N, C-alpha and C. Protein backbone atom coordinates (compact mmCIF):
# COMPACT_ATOMS: atom_id res chain seq x y z
N UNK A 1 119.05 30.86 104.02
CA UNK A 1 119.59 30.12 102.88
C UNK A 1 119.01 28.71 102.87
N UNK A 2 118.85 28.20 101.67
CA UNK A 2 118.26 26.88 101.52
C UNK A 2 119.26 25.77 101.75
N UNK A 3 118.73 24.56 101.80
CA UNK A 3 119.50 23.34 102.02
C UNK A 3 119.71 22.66 100.66
N UNK A 4 120.96 22.55 100.23
CA UNK A 4 121.28 21.98 98.92
C UNK A 4 120.81 20.53 98.81
N UNK A 5 121.06 19.74 99.85
CA UNK A 5 120.69 18.32 99.82
C UNK A 5 119.16 18.17 99.74
N UNK A 6 118.44 18.93 100.52
CA UNK A 6 116.97 18.88 100.47
C UNK A 6 116.48 19.36 99.11
N UNK A 7 117.14 20.37 98.56
CA UNK A 7 116.77 20.89 97.25
C UNK A 7 116.94 19.86 96.15
N UNK A 8 117.99 19.06 96.26
CA UNK A 8 118.22 18.01 95.25
C UNK A 8 117.07 17.01 95.26
N UNK A 9 116.62 16.63 96.43
CA UNK A 9 115.49 15.70 96.53
C UNK A 9 114.23 16.31 95.93
N UNK A 10 114.01 17.59 96.19
CA UNK A 10 112.82 18.27 95.67
C UNK A 10 112.92 18.53 94.16
N UNK A 11 114.14 18.56 93.63
CA UNK A 11 114.36 18.86 92.21
C UNK A 11 113.89 17.75 91.28
N UNK A 12 113.53 16.62 91.83
CA UNK A 12 113.04 15.51 91.00
C UNK A 12 111.84 15.98 90.16
N UNK A 13 111.02 16.87 90.71
CA UNK A 13 109.85 17.35 89.98
C UNK A 13 110.23 18.34 88.88
N UNK A 14 111.46 18.81 88.88
CA UNK A 14 111.92 19.78 87.90
C UNK A 14 112.62 19.12 86.70
N UNK A 15 112.98 17.86 86.87
CA UNK A 15 113.88 17.23 85.92
C UNK A 15 113.32 17.07 84.51
N UNK A 16 112.03 16.93 84.34
CA UNK A 16 111.47 16.74 82.99
C UNK A 16 111.76 17.94 82.09
N UNK A 17 111.74 19.13 82.65
CA UNK A 17 111.97 20.34 81.84
C UNK A 17 113.37 20.91 82.03
N UNK A 18 113.79 21.06 83.29
CA UNK A 18 115.07 21.71 83.58
C UNK A 18 116.21 20.73 83.78
N UNK A 19 115.90 19.44 83.86
CA UNK A 19 116.92 18.44 84.13
C UNK A 19 117.35 18.48 85.57
N UNK A 20 117.71 17.34 86.11
CA UNK A 20 118.19 17.29 87.48
C UNK A 20 119.52 18.04 87.61
N UNK A 21 120.20 18.19 86.48
CA UNK A 21 121.47 18.92 86.45
C UNK A 21 121.29 20.41 86.15
N UNK A 22 120.03 20.84 86.01
CA UNK A 22 119.75 22.26 85.74
C UNK A 22 119.95 22.66 84.30
N UNK A 23 120.20 21.68 83.43
CA UNK A 23 120.37 21.96 82.01
C UNK A 23 119.11 21.56 81.27
N UNK A 24 118.53 22.50 80.57
CA UNK A 24 117.24 22.35 79.91
C UNK A 24 117.10 21.07 79.09
N UNK A 25 115.95 20.45 79.22
CA UNK A 25 115.64 19.25 78.45
C UNK A 25 114.59 19.54 77.38
N UNK A 26 114.04 20.75 77.41
CA UNK A 26 113.04 21.16 76.42
C UNK A 26 113.40 22.56 75.92
N UNK A 27 113.00 22.89 74.69
CA UNK A 27 113.36 24.20 74.15
C UNK A 27 112.72 25.39 74.88
N UNK A 28 111.63 25.15 75.61
CA UNK A 28 110.96 26.25 76.29
C UNK A 28 111.43 26.48 77.72
N UNK A 29 112.28 25.61 78.23
CA UNK A 29 112.75 25.73 79.61
C UNK A 29 114.18 26.26 79.63
N UNK A 30 114.46 27.23 80.48
CA UNK A 30 115.82 27.76 80.54
C UNK A 30 116.76 26.86 81.35
N UNK A 31 118.04 26.98 81.08
CA UNK A 31 119.05 26.37 81.92
C UNK A 31 119.07 27.14 83.24
N UNK A 32 119.05 26.44 84.35
CA UNK A 32 119.06 27.13 85.65
C UNK A 32 120.25 26.73 86.51
N UNK A 33 121.09 25.83 86.04
CA UNK A 33 122.30 25.44 86.77
C UNK A 33 123.20 26.65 86.96
N UNK A 34 123.67 26.83 88.18
CA UNK A 34 124.61 27.91 88.46
C UNK A 34 124.00 29.30 88.50
N UNK A 35 122.69 29.39 88.39
CA UNK A 35 122.01 30.69 88.44
C UNK A 35 122.13 31.25 89.86
N UNK A 36 122.06 32.53 90.01
CA UNK A 36 122.16 33.18 91.32
C UNK A 36 120.97 32.76 92.19
N UNK A 37 121.27 32.34 93.42
CA UNK A 37 120.25 31.80 94.33
C UNK A 37 119.10 32.78 94.57
N UNK A 38 119.41 34.03 94.84
CA UNK A 38 118.35 35.01 95.12
C UNK A 38 117.46 35.23 93.90
N UNK A 39 118.04 35.14 92.71
CA UNK A 39 117.27 35.27 91.48
C UNK A 39 116.29 34.11 91.35
N UNK A 40 116.77 32.89 91.60
CA UNK A 40 115.89 31.72 91.51
C UNK A 40 114.75 31.82 92.51
N UNK A 41 115.04 32.25 93.73
CA UNK A 41 113.99 32.42 94.74
C UNK A 41 112.96 33.42 94.25
N UNK A 42 113.42 34.55 93.75
CA UNK A 42 112.50 35.60 93.28
C UNK A 42 111.62 35.10 92.13
N UNK A 43 112.21 34.36 91.20
CA UNK A 43 111.43 33.88 90.06
C UNK A 43 110.43 32.81 90.48
N UNK A 44 110.83 31.90 91.34
CA UNK A 44 109.90 30.88 91.82
C UNK A 44 108.74 31.52 92.59
N UNK A 45 109.04 32.52 93.39
CA UNK A 45 107.98 33.24 94.12
C UNK A 45 107.05 33.96 93.14
N UNK A 46 107.62 34.55 92.10
CA UNK A 46 106.80 35.25 91.09
C UNK A 46 105.87 34.28 90.37
N UNK A 47 106.36 33.09 90.04
CA UNK A 47 105.49 32.09 89.41
C UNK A 47 104.41 31.63 90.39
N UNK A 48 104.79 31.43 91.64
CA UNK A 48 103.85 30.95 92.66
C UNK A 48 102.71 31.95 92.87
N UNK A 49 103.02 33.22 92.89
CA UNK A 49 102.00 34.24 93.14
C UNK A 49 101.23 34.64 91.89
N UNK A 50 101.71 34.20 90.73
CA UNK A 50 101.05 34.57 89.48
C UNK A 50 101.58 35.85 88.87
N UNK A 51 102.57 36.48 89.51
CA UNK A 51 103.16 37.70 88.96
C UNK A 51 103.89 37.39 87.65
N UNK A 52 104.42 36.20 87.56
CA UNK A 52 105.06 35.73 86.33
C UNK A 52 104.27 34.52 85.85
N UNK A 53 104.00 34.46 84.57
CA UNK A 53 103.13 33.43 84.02
C UNK A 53 103.87 32.44 83.13
N UNK A 54 103.56 31.17 83.35
CA UNK A 54 104.04 30.08 82.51
C UNK A 54 103.15 28.89 82.84
N UNK A 55 102.65 28.21 81.80
CA UNK A 55 101.70 27.14 82.02
C UNK A 55 102.24 26.04 82.93
N UNK A 56 103.44 25.57 82.65
CA UNK A 56 104.02 24.49 83.47
C UNK A 56 104.34 24.97 84.88
N UNK A 57 104.94 26.13 84.99
CA UNK A 57 105.32 26.63 86.31
C UNK A 57 104.11 26.98 87.17
N UNK A 58 103.00 27.36 86.54
CA UNK A 58 101.80 27.68 87.31
C UNK A 58 101.18 26.42 87.93
N UNK A 59 101.58 25.26 87.44
CA UNK A 59 101.12 23.99 88.02
C UNK A 59 102.05 23.53 89.15
N UNK A 60 103.35 23.67 88.95
CA UNK A 60 104.30 23.12 89.92
C UNK A 60 104.63 24.04 91.10
N UNK A 61 104.49 25.35 90.96
CA UNK A 61 104.90 26.23 92.05
C UNK A 61 103.88 26.47 93.16
N UNK A 62 102.57 26.46 92.90
CA UNK A 62 101.64 26.75 94.00
C UNK A 62 101.81 25.89 95.26
N UNK A 63 102.07 24.59 95.14
CA UNK A 63 102.21 23.81 96.38
C UNK A 63 103.55 23.99 97.10
N UNK A 64 104.50 24.72 96.50
CA UNK A 64 105.81 24.89 97.12
C UNK A 64 105.75 25.82 98.33
N UNK A 65 106.37 25.41 99.41
CA UNK A 65 106.50 26.28 100.58
C UNK A 65 107.68 27.22 100.35
N UNK A 66 107.81 28.23 101.19
CA UNK A 66 108.96 29.12 101.09
C UNK A 66 110.25 28.33 101.28
N UNK A 67 110.24 27.35 102.18
CA UNK A 67 111.42 26.50 102.42
C UNK A 67 111.74 25.67 101.19
N UNK A 68 110.71 25.11 100.53
CA UNK A 68 110.92 24.36 99.30
C UNK A 68 111.62 25.22 98.27
N UNK A 69 111.14 26.44 98.11
CA UNK A 69 111.70 27.37 97.13
C UNK A 69 113.16 27.70 97.47
N UNK A 70 113.45 27.95 98.74
CA UNK A 70 114.81 28.24 99.16
C UNK A 70 115.73 27.04 98.90
N UNK A 71 115.23 25.83 99.19
CA UNK A 71 116.03 24.63 98.99
C UNK A 71 116.30 24.39 97.50
N UNK A 72 115.28 24.54 96.67
CA UNK A 72 115.47 24.37 95.22
C UNK A 72 116.47 25.38 94.67
N UNK A 73 116.33 26.62 95.11
CA UNK A 73 117.25 27.67 94.65
C UNK A 73 118.68 27.37 95.11
N UNK A 74 118.83 26.89 96.33
CA UNK A 74 120.16 26.55 96.84
C UNK A 74 120.78 25.43 96.01
N UNK A 75 119.98 24.42 95.70
CA UNK A 75 120.49 23.28 94.93
C UNK A 75 120.92 23.70 93.52
N UNK A 76 120.02 24.35 92.78
CA UNK A 76 120.36 24.69 91.40
C UNK A 76 121.48 25.72 91.32
N UNK A 77 121.55 26.63 92.29
CA UNK A 77 122.63 27.63 92.27
C UNK A 77 123.98 27.00 92.63
N UNK A 78 123.96 25.89 93.35
CA UNK A 78 125.20 25.22 93.76
C UNK A 78 125.82 24.37 92.65
N UNK A 79 125.08 24.13 91.59
CA UNK A 79 125.62 23.32 90.49
C UNK A 79 126.68 24.15 89.76
N UNK A 80 127.86 23.58 89.65
CA UNK A 80 128.95 24.27 88.97
C UNK A 80 128.83 24.07 87.46
N UNK A 81 128.99 25.15 86.74
CA UNK A 81 128.97 25.08 85.29
C UNK A 81 130.33 25.52 84.77
N UNK A 82 130.68 25.03 83.61
CA UNK A 82 131.96 25.37 83.00
C UNK A 82 131.70 26.07 81.68
N UNK A 83 132.30 27.20 81.50
CA UNK A 83 132.18 27.97 80.27
C UNK A 83 133.39 27.64 79.40
N UNK A 84 133.14 27.24 78.18
CA UNK A 84 134.23 26.94 77.26
C UNK A 84 134.10 27.83 76.03
N UNK A 85 135.21 28.00 75.34
CA UNK A 85 135.19 28.81 74.12
C UNK A 85 134.33 28.15 73.06
N UNK A 86 133.62 28.97 72.31
CA UNK A 86 132.80 28.47 71.20
C UNK A 86 133.68 28.01 70.05
N UNK A 87 133.09 27.34 69.08
CA UNK A 87 133.85 26.78 67.95
C UNK A 87 134.51 27.85 67.09
N UNK A 88 134.04 29.07 67.10
CA UNK A 88 134.58 30.11 66.24
C UNK A 88 135.62 30.98 66.95
N UNK A 89 135.97 30.65 68.16
CA UNK A 89 136.94 31.47 68.90
C UNK A 89 138.31 30.84 68.90
C-alpha cells in the first residue's frame, strides 16, 4: 500500500488537470478523489506502459516509479467525497 503523505507531495504534478483535491480542473480530466486505490494503480500503470493512451498522461507517467504510483493512488483514494442529492430530487 502507498503512503498518503508522500502521495500528497507527489500530487503537485497532478493539480493542473486533476486538482490537488482530486476534482477535475479541465473538461478532459476525470475526478479521481475517492477512487478505488487498486483502480488508480492499474490505470497509472496502463498509462505508463502505453497500454492506455492520453497525451498528457503519456508525458507525466513514464518517470513514475512503482512506489510513486502506489503513493499517488493512496493519496487520491484517501480523499473523502460527499454525495448530495441533485437539484431535481
